[in-house]
Amino acid sequence: MWKDNCRRFAERTPTWDILHKHGADWKLVVVGDAAMSPYEISHPGGSVEHMNEEAGAVWLSRLAQVYPAAAWINPAPEAHWGWSQSTAMIRTLMADRMFPLTLEGLDAAMRSLTRAR
């Protein structure tokens, strides 16, 4: 993880550090369209930008374990979610806690985060 995309290769924070620093009382919100190569989710080394030793699904499972109050906010139109195999994979891994980036979707996501535990 990194704070500044321009410095993503030089100034990274190990994901384990985040998981150990911020406990289960925190809420996790991921924002992204989830449309990527399915291999980034299902296979080690599936990323096109750097070598991941573990599949993305492993990390999503870890995040969901540490942060039971988690939501994925998807800016892509909800009608398009079925067009991407990776979006379906992430939606499943997130236990169907994917919400559209709309006022209604954000409201549903926030209600989901406050109900989780």
PDB file of N, CA and C in Angstrom:
ATOM      1  N   MET A   1       0.845  -1.167   0.000  1.00  0.00           N
ATOM      2  CA  MET A   1       0.000   0.000   0.000  1.00  0.00           C
ATOM      3  C   MET A   1       0.891   1.230   0.000  1.00  0.00           C
ATOM      4  N   TRP A   2       0.349   2.320  -0.508  1.00  0.00           N
ATOM      5  CA  TRP A   2       1.108   3.558  -0.546  1.00  0.00           C
ATOM      6  C   TRP A   2       0.152   4.733  -0.466  1.00  0.00           C
ATOM      7  N   LYS A   3       0.703   5.876  -0.063  1.00  0.00           N
ATOM      8  CA  LYS A   3      -0.099   7.090   0.073  1.00  0.00           C
ATOM      9  C   LYS A   3      -0.068   7.939  -1.182  1.00  0.00           C
ATOM     10  N   ASP A   4       1.023   7.877  -1.926  1.00  0.00           N
ATOM     11  CA  ASP A   4       1.209   8.712  -3.106  1.00  0.00           C
ATOM     12  C   ASP A   4       1.527   7.800  -4.285  1.00  0.00           C
ATOM     13  N   ASN A   5       0.646   7.740  -5.268  1.00  0.00           N
ATOM     14  CA  ASN A   5       0.823   6.828  -6.386  1.00  0.00           C
ATOM     15  C   ASN A   5       2.123   7.081  -7.140  1.00  0.00           C
ATOM     16  N   CYS A   6       2.576   8.315  -7.193  1.00  0.00           N
ATOM     17  CA  CYS A   6       3.837   8.627  -7.883  1.00  0.00           C
ATOM     18  C   CYS A   6       5.035   7.983  -7.183  1.00  0.00           C
ATOM     19  N   ARG A   7       4.883   7.693  -5.911  1.00  0.00           N
ATOM     20  CA  ARG A   7       5.992   7.121  -5.144  1.00  0.00           C
ATOM     21  C   ARG A   7       5.721   5.663  -4.758  1.00  0.00           C
ATOM     22  N   ARG A   8       4.823   5.001  -5.493  1.00  0.00           N
ATOM     23  CA  ARG A   8       4.378   3.659  -5.112  1.00  0.00           C
ATOM     24  C   ARG A   8       5.481   2.610  -5.115  1.00  0.00           C
ATOM     25  N   PHE A   9       6.557   2.860  -5.826  1.00  0.00           N
ATOM     26  CA  PHE A   9       7.650   1.892  -5.830  1.00  0.00           C
ATOM     27  C   PHE A   9       8.665   2.183  -4.737  1.00  0.00           C
ATOM     28  N   ALA A  10       8.734   3.430  -4.294  1.00  0.00           N
ATOM     29  CA  ALA A  10       9.755   3.836  -3.318  1.00  0.00           C
ATOM     30  C   ALA A  10       9.244   3.896  -1.882  1.00  0.00           C
ATOM     31  N   GLU A  11       7.972   4.198  -1.697  1.00  0.00           N
ATOM     32  CA  GLU A  11       7.442   4.403  -0.349  1.00  0.00           C
ATOM     33  C   GLU A  11       6.193   3.568  -0.119  1.00  0.00           C
ATOM     34  N   ARG A  12       6.411   2.302   0.117  1.00  0.00           N
ATOM     35  CA  ARG A  12       5.300   1.382   0.366  1.00  0.00           C
ATOM     36  C   ARG A  12       5.173   1.103   1.857  1.00  0.00           C
ATOM     37  N   THR A  13       3.956   0.822   2.259  1.00  0.00           N
ATOM     38  CA  THR A  13       3.684   0.347   3.614  1.00  0.00           C
ATOM     39  C   THR A  13       3.250  -1.100   3.481  1.00  0.00           C
ATOM     40  N   PRO A  14       3.952  -2.031   4.115  1.00  0.00           N
ATOM     41  CA  PRO A  14       3.543  -3.431   4.007  1.00  0.00           C
ATOM     42  C   PRO A  14       2.110  -3.630   4.519  1.00  0.00           C
ATOM     43  N   THR A  15       1.343  -4.405   3.792  1.00  0.00           N
ATOM     44  CA  THR A  15      -0.050  -4.650   4.161  1.00  0.00           C
ATOM     45  C   THR A  15      -0.148  -5.249   5.557  1.00  0.00           C
ATOM     46  N   TRP A  16       0.799  -6.112   5.915  1.00  0.00           N
ATOM     47  CA  TRP A  16       0.794  -6.696   7.264  1.00  0.00           C
ATOM     48  C   TRP A  16       0.859  -5.603   8.328  1.00  0.00           C
ATOM     49  N   ASP A  17       1.623  -4.530   8.063  1.00  0.00           N
ATOM     50  CA  ASP A  17       1.708  -3.429   9.030  1.00  0.00           C
ATOM     51  C   ASP A  17       0.336  -2.796   9.258  1.00  0.00           C
ATOM     52  N   ILE A  18      -0.424  -2.629   8.199  1.00  0.00           N
ATOM     53  CA  ILE A  18      -1.772  -2.061   8.309  1.00  0.00           C
ATOM     54  C   ILE A  18      -2.666  -3.006   9.116  1.00  0.00           C
ATOM     55  N   LEU A  19      -2.605  -4.287   8.791  1.00  0.00           N
ATOM     56  CA  LEU A  19      -3.446  -5.267   9.482  1.00  0.00           C
ATOM     57  C   LEU A  19      -3.133  -5.352  10.974  1.00  0.00           C
ATOM     58  N   HIS A  20      -1.869  -5.164  11.330  1.00  0.00           N
ATOM     59  CA  HIS A  20      -1.487  -5.247  12.743  1.00  0.00           C
ATOM     60  C   HIS A  20      -1.668  -3.928  13.483  1.00  0.00           C
ATOM     61  N   LYS A  21      -1.634  -2.819  12.772  1.00  0.00           N
ATOM     62  CA  LYS A  21      -1.756  -1.510  13.413  1.00  0.00           C
ATOM     63  C   LYS A  21      -3.210  -1.147  13.692  1.00  0.00           C
ATOM     64  N   HIS A  22      -4.085  -1.457  12.756  1.00  0.00           N
ATOM     65  CA  HIS A  22      -5.494  -1.086  12.861  1.00  0.00           C
ATOM     66  C   HIS A  22      -6.320  -2.347  13.047  1.00  0.00           C
ATOM     67  N   GLY A  23      -6.919  -2.500  14.210  1.00  0.00           N
ATOM     68  CA  GLY A  23      -7.632  -3.721  14.548  1.00  0.00           C
ATOM     69  C   GLY A  23      -9.055  -3.791  14.030  1.00  0.00           C
ATOM     70  N   ALA A  24      -9.766  -4.801  14.496  1.00  0.00           N
ATOM     71  CA  ALA A  24     -11.113  -5.118  14.031  1.00  0.00           C
ATOM     72  C   ALA A  24     -12.131  -4.029  14.339  1.00  0.00           C
ATOM     73  N   ASP A  25     -11.780  -3.085  15.221  1.00  0.00           N
ATOM     74  CA  ASP A  25     -12.718  -1.996  15.508  1.00  0.00           C
ATOM     75  C   ASP A  25     -12.721  -0.949  14.383  1.00  0.00           C
ATOM     76  N   TRP A  26     -11.810  -1.047  13.440  1.00  0.00           N
ATOM     77  CA  TRP A  26     -11.791  -0.155  12.279  1.00  0.00           C
ATOM     78  C   TRP A  26     -12.728  -0.720  11.218  1.00  0.00           C
ATOM     79  N   LYS A  27     -13.132   0.132  10.313  1.00  0.00           N
ATOM     80  CA  LYS A  27     -13.963  -0.283   9.191  1.00  0.00           C
ATOM     81  C   LYS A  27     -13.138  -0.171   7.912  1.00  0.00           C
ATOM     82  N   LEU A  28     -13.334  -1.109   7.019  1.00  0.00           N
ATOM     83  CA  LEU A  28     -12.586  -1.145   5.766  1.00  0.00           C
ATOM     84  C   LEU A  28     -13.511  -0.764   4.617  1.00  0.00           C
ATOM     85  N   VAL A  29     -13.100   0.218   3.838  1.00  0.00           N
ATOM     86  CA  VAL A  29     -13.827   0.604   2.631  1.00  0.00           C
ATOM     87  C   VAL A  29     -12.822   0.593   1.485  1.00  0.00           C
ATOM     88  N   VAL A  30     -13.093  -0.231   0.501  1.00  0.00           N
ATOM     89  CA  VAL A  30     -12.271  -0.300  -0.702  1.00  0.00           C
ATOM     90  C   VAL A  30     -13.052   0.377  -1.813  1.00  0.00           C
ATOM     91  N   VAL A  31     -12.391   1.244  -2.563  1.00  0.00           N
ATOM     92  CA  VAL A  31     -13.037   1.927  -3.684  1.00  0.00           C
ATOM     93  C   VAL A  31     -12.289   1.547  -4.956  1.00  0.00           C
ATOM     94  N   GLY A  32     -13.013   0.979  -5.885  1.00  0.00           N
ATOM     95  CA  GLY A  32     -12.410   0.601  -7.161  1.00  0.00           C
ATOM     96  C   GLY A  32     -13.412  -0.144  -8.008  1.00  0.00           C
ATOM     97  N   ASP A  33     -13.155  -0.176  -9.304  1.00  0.00           N
ATOM     98  CA  ASP A  33     -14.132  -0.808 -10.190  1.00  0.00           C
ATOM     99  C   ASP A  33     -14.065  -2.331 -10.179  1.00  0.00           C
ATOM    100  N   ALA A  34     -13.045  -2.907  -9.606  1.00  0.00           N
ATOM    101  CA  ALA A  34     -12.882  -4.361  -9.482  1.00  0.00           C
ATOM    102  C   ALA A  34     -12.687  -5.051 -10.827  1.00  0.00           C
ATOM    103  N   ALA A  35     -12.563  -4.286 -11.894  1.00  0.00           N
ATOM    104  CA  ALA A  35     -12.369  -4.863 -13.225  1.00  0.00           C
ATOM    105  C   ALA A  35     -10.868  -4.963 -13.497  1.00  0.00           C
ATOM    106  N   MET A  36     -10.347  -6.142 -13.313  1.00  0.00           N
ATOM    107  CA  MET A  36      -8.921  -6.398 -13.495  1.00  0.00           C
ATOM    108  C   MET A  36      -8.772  -7.789 -14.088  1.00  0.00           C
ATOM    109  N   SER A  37      -7.576  -8.192 -14.309  1.00  0.00           N
ATOM    110  CA  SER A  37      -7.371  -9.558 -14.760  1.00  0.00           C
ATOM    111  C   SER A  37      -7.785 -10.513 -13.637  1.00  0.00           C
ATOM    112  N   PRO A  38      -8.588 -11.514 -13.939  1.00  0.00           N
ATOM    113  CA  PRO A  38      -8.954 -12.493 -12.904  1.00  0.00           C
ATOM    114  C   PRO A  38      -7.737 -13.156 -12.273  1.00  0.00           C
ATOM    115  N   TYR A  39      -6.623 -13.208 -13.013  1.00  0.00           N
ATOM    116  CA  TYR A  39      -5.410 -13.817 -12.482  1.00  0.00           C
ATOM    117  C   TYR A  39      -4.843 -13.033 -11.305  1.00  0.00           C
ATOM    118  N   GLU A  40      -5.106 -11.725 -11.249  1.00  0.00           N
ATOM    119  CA  GLU A  40      -4.643 -10.929 -10.107  1.00  0.00           C
ATOM    120  C   GLU A  40      -5.327 -11.379  -8.823  1.00  0.00           C
ATOM    121  N   ILE A  41      -6.505 -11.938  -8.953  1.00  0.00           N
ATOM    122  CA  ILE A  41      -7.260 -12.409  -7.798  1.00  0.00           C
ATOM    123  C   ILE A  41      -6.957 -13.875  -7.514  1.00  0.00           C
ATOM    124  N   SER A  42      -6.849 -14.661  -8.557  1.00  0.00           N
ATOM    125  CA  SER A  42      -6.800 -16.112  -8.375  1.00  0.00           C
ATOM    126  C   SER A  42      -5.410 -16.738  -8.352  1.00  0.00           C
ATOM    127  N   HIS A  43      -4.389 -16.020  -8.813  1.00  0.00           N
ATOM    128  CA  HIS A  43      -3.075 -16.650  -8.949  1.00  0.00           C
ATOM    129  C   HIS A  43      -1.958 -15.799  -8.339  1.00  0.00           C
ATOM    130  N   PRO A  44      -1.012 -16.437  -7.661  1.00  0.00           N
ATOM    131  CA  PRO A  44       0.197 -15.707  -7.256  1.00  0.00           C
ATOM    132  C   PRO A  44       0.910 -15.210  -8.514  1.00  0.00           C
ATOM    133  N   GLY A  45       1.465 -14.015  -8.444  1.00  0.00           N
ATOM    134  CA  GLY A  45       2.176 -13.466  -9.595  1.00  0.00           C
ATOM    135  C   GLY A  45       1.255 -12.968 -10.692  1.00  0.00           C
ATOM    136  N   GLY A  46      -0.043 -12.860 -10.424  1.00  0.00           N
ATOM    137  CA  GLY A  46      -1.000 -12.482 -11.459  1.00  0.00           C
ATOM    138  C   GLY A  46      -1.025 -11.009 -11.800  1.00  0.00           C
ATOM    139  N   SER A  47      -0.377 -10.182 -11.007  1.00  0.00           N
ATOM    140  CA  SER A  47      -0.402  -8.740 -11.257  1.00  0.00           C
ATOM    141  C   SER A  47       0.491  -8.375 -12.433  1.00  0.00           C
ATOM    142  N   VAL A  48       0.086  -7.368 -13.185  1.00  0.00           N
ATOM    143  CA  VAL A  48       0.898  -6.914 -14.313  1.00  0.00           C
ATOM    144  C   VAL A  48       1.959  -5.912 -13.868  1.00  0.00           C
ATOM    145  N   GLU A  49       1.811  -5.341 -12.667  1.00  0.00           N
ATOM    146  CA  GLU A  49       2.726  -4.294 -12.231  1.00  0.00           C
ATOM    147  C   GLU A  49       3.859  -4.801 -11.338  1.00  0.00           C
ATOM    148  N   HIS A  50       3.593  -5.786 -10.513  1.00  0.00           N
ATOM    149  CA  HIS A  50       4.636  -6.330  -9.654  1.00  0.00           C
ATOM    150  C   HIS A  50       4.298  -7.770  -9.283  1.00  0.00           C
ATOM    151  N   MET A  51       5.287  -8.471  -8.771  1.00  0.00           N
ATOM    152  CA  MET A  51       5.130  -9.879  -8.435  1.00  0.00           C
ATOM    153  C   MET A  51       4.491 -10.032  -7.067  1.00  0.00           C
ATOM    154  N   ASN A  52       3.295 -10.597  -7.027  1.00  0.00           N
ATOM    155  CA  ASN A  52       2.653 -10.932  -5.759  1.00  0.00           C
ATOM    156  C   ASN A  52       2.957 -12.388  -5.453  1.00  0.00           C
ATOM    157  N   GLU A  53       3.469 -12.639  -4.267  1.00  0.00           N
ATOM    158  CA  GLU A  53       3.778 -14.016  -3.891  1.00  0.00           C
ATOM    159  C   GLU A  53       2.521 -14.824  -3.577  1.00  0.00           C
ATOM    160  N   GLU A  54       1.427 -14.113  -3.293  1.00  0.00           N
ATOM    161  CA  GLU A  54       0.162 -14.781  -2.999  1.00  0.00           C
ATOM    162  C   GLU A  54      -0.926 -14.169  -3.878  1.00  0.00           C
ATOM    163  N   ALA A  55      -1.953 -14.946  -4.114  1.00  0.00           N
ATOM    164  CA  ALA A  55      -3.067 -14.468  -4.929  1.00  0.00           C
ATOM    165  C   ALA A  55      -3.827 -13.353  -4.210  1.00  0.00           C
ATOM    166  N   GLY A  56      -4.443 -12.479  -4.971  1.00  0.00           N
ATOM    167  CA  GLY A  56      -5.224 -11.395  -4.390  1.00  0.00           C
ATOM    168  C   GLY A  56      -6.341 -11.901  -3.495  1.00  0.00           C
ATOM    169  N   ALA A  57      -6.919 -13.052  -3.816  1.00  0.00           N
ATOM    170  CA  ALA A  57      -7.993 -13.623  -3.000  1.00  0.00           C
ATOM    171  C   ALA A  57      -7.515 -13.906  -1.584  1.00  0.00           C
ATOM    172  N   VAL A  58      -6.265 -14.289  -1.430  1.00  0.00           N
ATOM    173  CA  VAL A  58      -5.711 -14.545  -0.101  1.00  0.00           C
ATOM    174  C   VAL A  58      -5.730 -13.263   0.723  1.00  0.00           C
ATOM    175  N   TRP A  59      -5.324 -12.161   0.099  1.00  0.00           N
ATOM    176  CA  TRP A  59      -5.293 -10.883   0.819  1.00  0.00           C
ATOM    177  C   TRP A  59      -6.691 -10.353   1.094  1.00  0.00           C
ATOM    178  N   LEU A  60      -7.607 -10.517   0.157  1.00  0.00           N
ATOM    179  CA  LEU A  60      -8.982 -10.091   0.411  1.00  0.00           C
ATOM    180  C   LEU A  60      -9.588 -10.888   1.569  1.00  0.00           C
ATOM    181  N   SER A  61      -9.279 -12.168   1.635  1.00  0.00           N
ATOM    182  CA  SER A  61      -9.767 -12.989   2.752  1.00  0.00           C
ATOM    183  C   SER A  61      -9.173 -12.521   4.078  1.00  0.00           C
ATOM    184  N   ARG A  62      -7.897 -12.190   4.070  1.00  0.00           N
ATOM    185  CA  ARG A  62      -7.264 -11.679   5.294  1.00  0.00           C
ATOM    186  C   ARG A  62      -7.902 -10.363   5.730  1.00  0.00           C
ATOM    187  N   LEU A  63      -8.119  -9.469   4.775  1.00  0.00           N
ATOM    188  CA  LEU A  63      -8.747  -8.185   5.096  1.00  0.00           C
ATOM    189  C   LEU A  63     -10.132  -8.404   5.698  1.00  0.00           C
ATOM    190  N   ALA A  64     -10.908  -9.304   5.092  1.00  0.00           N
ATOM    191  CA  ALA A  64     -12.255  -9.572   5.588  1.00  0.00           C
ATOM    192  C   ALA A  64     -12.235 -10.200   6.976  1.00  0.00           C
ATOM    193  N   GLN A  65     -11.200 -10.988   7.280  1.00  0.00           N
ATOM    194  CA  GLN A  65     -11.085 -11.585   8.613  1.00  0.00           C
ATOM    195  C   GLN A  65     -10.755 -10.529   9.655  1.00  0.00           C
ATOM    196  N   VAL A  66      -9.815  -9.656   9.347  1.00  0.00           N
ATOM    197  CA  VAL A  66      -9.408  -8.632  10.304  1.00  0.00           C
ATOM    198  C   VAL A  66     -10.482  -7.561  10.443  1.00  0.00           C
ATOM    199  N   TYR A  67     -11.123  -7.205   9.349  1.00  0.00           N
ATOM    200  CA  TYR A  67     -12.130  -6.146   9.350  1.00  0.00           C
ATOM    201  C   TYR A  67     -13.496  -6.702   8.949  1.00  0.00           C
ATOM    202  N   PRO A  68     -14.252  -7.230   9.911  1.00  0.00           N
ATOM    203  CA  PRO A  68     -15.572  -7.774   9.560  1.00  0.00           C
ATOM    204  C   PRO A  68     -16.519  -6.700   9.026  1.00  0.00           C
ATOM    205  N   ALA A  69     -16.286  -5.449   9.392  1.00  0.00           N
ATOM    206  CA  ALA A  69     -17.068  -4.340   8.832  1.00  0.00           C
ATOM    207  C   ALA A  69     -16.311  -3.838   7.610  1.00  0.00           C
ATOM    208  N   ALA A  70     -16.666  -4.392   6.446  1.00  0.00           N
ATOM    209  CA  ALA A  70     -15.966  -4.065   5.207  1.00  0.00           C
ATOM    210  C   ALA A  70     -16.973  -3.873   4.085  1.00  0.00           C
ATOM    211  N   ALA A  71     -16.641  -2.967   3.178  1.00  0.00           N
ATOM    212  CA  ALA A  71     -17.491  -2.723   2.013  1.00  0.00           C
ATOM    213  C   ALA A  71     -16.612  -2.354   0.828  1.00  0.00           C
ATOM    214  N   TRP A  72     -17.049  -2.733  -0.349  1.00  0.00           N
ATOM    215  CA  TRP A  72     -16.381  -2.367  -1.595  1.00  0.00           C
ATOM    216  C   TRP A  72     -17.306  -1.401  -2.324  1.00  0.00           C
ATOM    217  N   ILE A  73     -16.823  -0.207  -2.605  1.00  0.00           N
ATOM    218  CA  ILE A  73     -17.588   0.796  -3.340  1.00  0.00           C
ATOM    219  C   ILE A  73     -17.120   0.748  -4.792  1.00  0.00           C
ATOM    220  N   ASN A  74     -18.036   0.450  -5.695  1.00  0.00           N
ATOM    221  CA  ASN A  74     -17.696   0.277  -7.100  1.00  0.00           C
ATOM    222  C   ASN A  74     -18.245   1.450  -7.916  1.00  0.00           C
ATOM    223  N   PRO A  75     -17.355   2.272  -8.515  1.00  0.00           N
ATOM    224  CA  PRO A  75     -17.820   3.414  -9.304  1.00  0.00           C
ATOM    225  C   PRO A  75     -18.375   3.046 -10.680  1.00  0.00           C
ATOM    226  N   ALA A  76     -18.135   1.826 -11.125  1.00  0.00           N
ATOM    227  CA  ALA A  76     -18.691   1.407 -12.417  1.00  0.00           C
ATOM    228  C   ALA A  76     -20.205   1.252 -12.272  1.00  0.00           C
ATOM    229  N   PRO A  77     -20.955   1.555 -13.310  1.00  0.00           N
ATOM    230  CA  PRO A  77     -22.410   1.369 -13.225  1.00  0.00           C
ATOM    231  C   PRO A  77     -22.756  -0.068 -12.850  1.00  0.00           C
ATOM    232  N   GLU A  78     -23.672  -0.218 -11.933  1.00  0.00           N
ATOM    233  CA  GLU A  78     -24.025  -1.552 -11.446  1.00  0.00           C
ATOM    234  C   GLU A  78     -24.472  -2.472 -12.581  1.00  0.00           C
ATOM    235  N   ALA A  79     -25.091  -1.919 -13.585  1.00  0.00           N
ATOM    236  CA  ALA A  79     -25.529  -2.721 -14.734  1.00  0.00           C
ATOM    237  C   ALA A  79     -24.342  -3.339 -15.484  1.00  0.00           C
ATOM    238  N   HIS A  80     -23.146  -2.807 -15.295  1.00  0.00           N
ATOM    239  CA  HIS A  80     -21.951  -3.302 -15.986  1.00  0.00           C
ATOM    240  C   HIS A  80     -21.166  -4.327 -15.165  1.00  0.00           C
ATOM    241  N   TRP A  81     -21.512  -4.515 -13.922  1.00  0.00           N
ATOM    242  CA  TRP A  81     -20.728  -5.408 -13.068  1.00  0.00           C
ATOM    243  C   TRP A  81     -20.642  -6.824 -13.621  1.00  0.00           C
ATOM    244  N   GLY A  82     -21.669  -7.291 -14.275  1.00  0.00           N
ATOM    245  CA  GLY A  82     -21.675  -8.648 -14.824  1.00  0.00           C
ATOM    246  C   GLY A  82     -20.760  -8.826 -16.022  1.00  0.00           C
ATOM    247  N   TRP A  83     -20.233  -7.740 -16.561  1.00  0.00           N
ATOM    248  CA  TRP A  83     -19.363  -7.820 -17.727  1.00  0.00           C
ATOM    249  C   TRP A  83     -17.935  -8.238 -17.366  1.00  0.00           C
ATOM    250  N   SER A  84     -17.600  -8.186 -16.095  1.00  0.00           N
ATOM    251  CA  SER A  84     -16.228  -8.458 -15.662  1.00  0.00           C
ATOM    252  C   SER A  84     -16.189  -9.661 -14.725  1.00  0.00           C
ATOM    253  N   GLN A  85     -15.445 -10.679 -15.126  1.00  0.00           N
ATOM    254  CA  GLN A  85     -15.313 -11.877 -14.292  1.00  0.00           C
ATOM    255  C   GLN A  85     -14.696 -11.530 -12.937  1.00  0.00           C
ATOM    256  N   SER A  86     -13.732 -10.617 -12.927  1.00  0.00           N
ATOM    257  CA  SER A  86     -13.075 -10.260 -11.674  1.00  0.00           C
ATOM    258  C   SER A  86     -14.029  -9.537 -10.720  1.00  0.00           C
ATOM    259  N   THR A  87     -14.952  -8.753 -11.260  1.00  0.00           N
ATOM    260  CA  THR A  87     -15.925  -8.080 -10.401  1.00  0.00           C
ATOM    261  C   THR A  87     -16.781  -9.116  -9.680  1.00  0.00           C
ATOM    262  N   ALA A  88     -17.207 -10.138 -10.387  1.00  0.00           N
ATOM    263  CA  ALA A  88     -17.988 -11.213  -9.764  1.00  0.00           C
ATOM    264  C   ALA A  88     -17.162 -11.943  -8.708  1.00  0.00           C
ATOM    265  N   MET A  89     -15.888 -12.163  -8.994  1.00  0.00           N
ATOM    266  CA  MET A  89     -15.017 -12.856  -8.036  1.00  0.00           C
ATOM    267  C   MET A  89     -14.872 -12.042  -6.743  1.00  0.00           C
ATOM    268  N   ILE A  90     -14.624 -10.750  -6.900  1.00  0.00           N
ATOM    269  CA  ILE A  90     -14.443  -9.892  -5.730  1.00  0.00           C
ATOM    270  C   ILE A  90     -15.750  -9.757  -4.962  1.00  0.00           C
ATOM    271  N   ARG A  91     -16.840  -9.646  -5.678  1.00  0.00           N
ATOM    272  CA  ARG A  91     -18.148  -9.554  -5.009  1.00  0.00           C
ATOM    273  C   ARG A  91     -18.380 -10.787  -4.139  1.00  0.00           C
ATOM    274  N   THR A  92     -18.017 -11.949  -4.636  1.00  0.00           N
ATOM    275  CA  THR A  92     -18.145 -13.183  -3.860  1.00  0.00           C
ATOM    276  C   THR A  92     -17.200 -13.162  -2.661  1.00  0.00           C
ATOM    277  N   LEU A  93     -15.949 -12.791  -2.885  1.00  0.00           N
ATOM    278  CA  LEU A  93     -14.972 -12.739  -1.790  1.00  0.00           C
ATOM    279  C   LEU A  93     -15.374 -11.736  -0.713  1.00  0.00           C
ATOM    280  N   MET A  94     -16.065 -10.690  -1.109  1.00  0.00           N
ATOM    281  CA  MET A  94     -16.522  -9.662  -0.165  1.00  0.00           C
ATOM    282  C   MET A  94     -17.903 -10.005   0.412  1.00  0.00           C
ATOM    283  N   ALA A  95     -18.343 -11.232   0.244  1.00  0.00           N
ATOM    284  CA  ALA A  95     -19.633 -11.697   0.775  1.00  0.00           C
ATOM    285  C   ALA A  95     -20.770 -10.774   0.323  1.00  0.00           C
ATOM    286  N   ASP A  96     -20.740 -10.411  -0.952  1.00  0.00           N
ATOM    287  CA  ASP A  96     -21.758  -9.575  -1.581  1.00  0.00           C
ATOM    288  C   ASP A  96     -21.877  -8.187  -0.947  1.00  0.00           C
ATOM    289  N   ARG A  97     -20.762  -7.702  -0.368  1.00  0.00           N
ATOM    290  CA  ARG A  97     -20.761  -6.352   0.206  1.00  0.00           C
ATOM    291  C   ARG A  97     -20.123  -5.364  -0.770  1.00  0.00           C
ATOM    292  N   MET A  98     -20.590  -5.412  -2.011  1.00  0.00           N
ATOM    293  CA  MET A  98     -20.165  -4.459  -3.036  1.00  0.00           C
ATOM    294  C   MET A  98     -21.349  -3.537  -3.297  1.00  0.00           C
ATOM    295  N   PHE A  99     -21.063  -2.251  -3.315  1.00  0.00           N
ATOM    296  CA  PHE A  99     -22.114  -1.254  -3.442  1.00  0.00           C
ATOM    297  C   PHE A  99     -21.755  -0.265  -4.545  1.00  0.00           C
ATOM    298  N   PRO A 100     -22.771   0.221  -5.273  1.00  0.00           N
ATOM    299  CA  PRO A 100     -22.492   1.203  -6.325  1.00  0.00           C
ATOM    300  C   PRO A 100     -22.159   2.568  -5.726  1.00  0.00           C
ATOM    301  N   LEU A 101     -21.387   3.329  -6.461  1.00  0.00           N
ATOM    302  CA  LEU A 101     -21.038   4.688  -6.035  1.00  0.00           C
ATOM    303  C   LEU A 101     -22.182   5.632  -6.448  1.00  0.00           C
ATOM    304  N   THR A 102     -23.266   5.483  -5.718  1.00  0.00           N
ATOM    305  CA  THR A 102     -24.440   6.340  -5.868  1.00  0.00           C
ATOM    306  C   THR A 102     -24.848   6.745  -4.459  1.00  0.00           C
ATOM    307  N   LEU A 103     -25.741   7.707  -4.344  1.00  0.00           N
ATOM    308  CA  LEU A 103     -26.205   8.082  -3.002  1.00  0.00           C
ATOM    309  C   LEU A 103     -26.852   6.899  -2.298  1.00  0.00           C
ATOM    310  N   GLU A 104     -27.664   6.143  -3.027  1.00  0.00           N
ATOM    311  CA  GLU A 104     -28.312   4.968  -2.437  1.00  0.00           C
ATOM    312  C   GLU A 104     -27.279   3.896  -2.081  1.00  0.00           C
ATOM    313  N   GLY A 105     -26.305   3.701  -2.957  1.00  0.00           N
ATOM    314  CA  GLY A 105     -25.268   2.706  -2.703  1.00  0.00           C
ATOM    315  C   GLY A 105     -24.415   3.066  -1.502  1.00  0.00           C
ATOM    316  N   LEU A 106     -24.039   4.341  -1.392  1.00  0.00           N
ATOM    317  CA  LEU A 106     -23.249   4.777  -0.242  1.00  0.00           C
ATOM    318  C   LEU A 106     -24.050   4.636   1.053  1.00  0.00           C
ATOM    319  N   ASP A 107     -25.325   4.952   1.006  1.00  0.00           N
ATOM    320  CA  ASP A 107     -26.176   4.786   2.184  1.00  0.00           C
ATOM    321  C   ASP A 107     -26.239   3.314   2.592  1.00  0.00           C
ATOM    322  N   ALA A 108     -26.427   2.429   1.622  1.00  0.00           N
ATOM    323  CA  ALA A 108     -26.476   0.995   1.913  1.00  0.00           C
ATOM    324  C   ALA A 108     -25.138   0.499   2.460  1.00  0.00           C
ATOM    325  N   ALA A 109     -24.037   0.993   1.908  1.00  0.00           N
ATOM    326  CA  ALA A 109     -22.707   0.587   2.388  1.00  0.00           C
ATOM    327  C   ALA A 109     -22.501   1.028   3.834  1.00  0.00           C
ATOM    328  N   MET A 110     -22.872   2.247   4.146  1.00  0.00           N
ATOM    329  CA  MET A 110     -22.688   2.749   5.519  1.00  0.00           C
ATOM    330  C   MET A 110     -23.574   1.980   6.497  1.00  0.00           C
ATOM    331  N   ARG A 111     -24.794   1.644   6.094  1.00  0.00           N
ATOM    332  CA  ARG A 111     -25.653   0.827   6.963  1.00  0.00           C
ATOM    333  C   ARG A 111     -25.046  -0.552   7.165  1.00  0.00           C
ATOM    334  N   SER A 112     -24.471  -1.109   6.114  1.00  0.00           N
ATOM    335  CA  SER A 112     -23.819  -2.418   6.201  1.00  0.00           C
ATOM    336  C   SER A 112     -22.631  -2.369   7.167  1.00  0.00           C
ATOM    337  N   LEU A 113     -21.862  -1.300   7.102  1.00  0.00           N
ATOM    338  CA  LEU A 113     -20.690  -1.179   7.977  1.00  0.00           C
ATOM    339  C   LEU A 113     -21.089  -1.048   9.450  1.00  0.00           C
ATOM    340  N   THR A 114     -22.182  -0.404   9.722  1.00  0.00           N
ATOM    341  CA  THR A 114     -22.596  -0.240  11.124  1.00  0.00           C
ATOM    342  C   THR A 114     -23.274  -1.483  11.665  1.00  0.00           C
ATOM    343  N   ARG A 115     -23.820  -2.340  10.790  1.00  0.00           N
ATOM    344  CA  ARG A 115     -24.454  -3.586  11.226  1.00  0.00           C
ATOM    345  C   ARG A 115     -23.447  -4.700  11.438  1.00  0.00           C
ATOM    346  N   ALA A 116     -22.324  -4.639  10.766  1.00  0.00           N
ATOM    347  CA  ALA A 116     -21.336  -5.740  10.798  1.00  0.00           C
ATOM    348  C   ALA A 116     -20.792  -5.950  12.196  1.00  0.00           C
ATOM    349  N   ARG A 117     -20.493  -7.174  12.500  1.00  0.00           N
ATOM    350  CA  ARG A 117     -19.824  -7.612  13.745  1.00  0.00           C
ATOM    351  C   ARG A 117     -20.248  -8.972  14.083  1.00  0.00           C
TER     352      ARG A 117
END
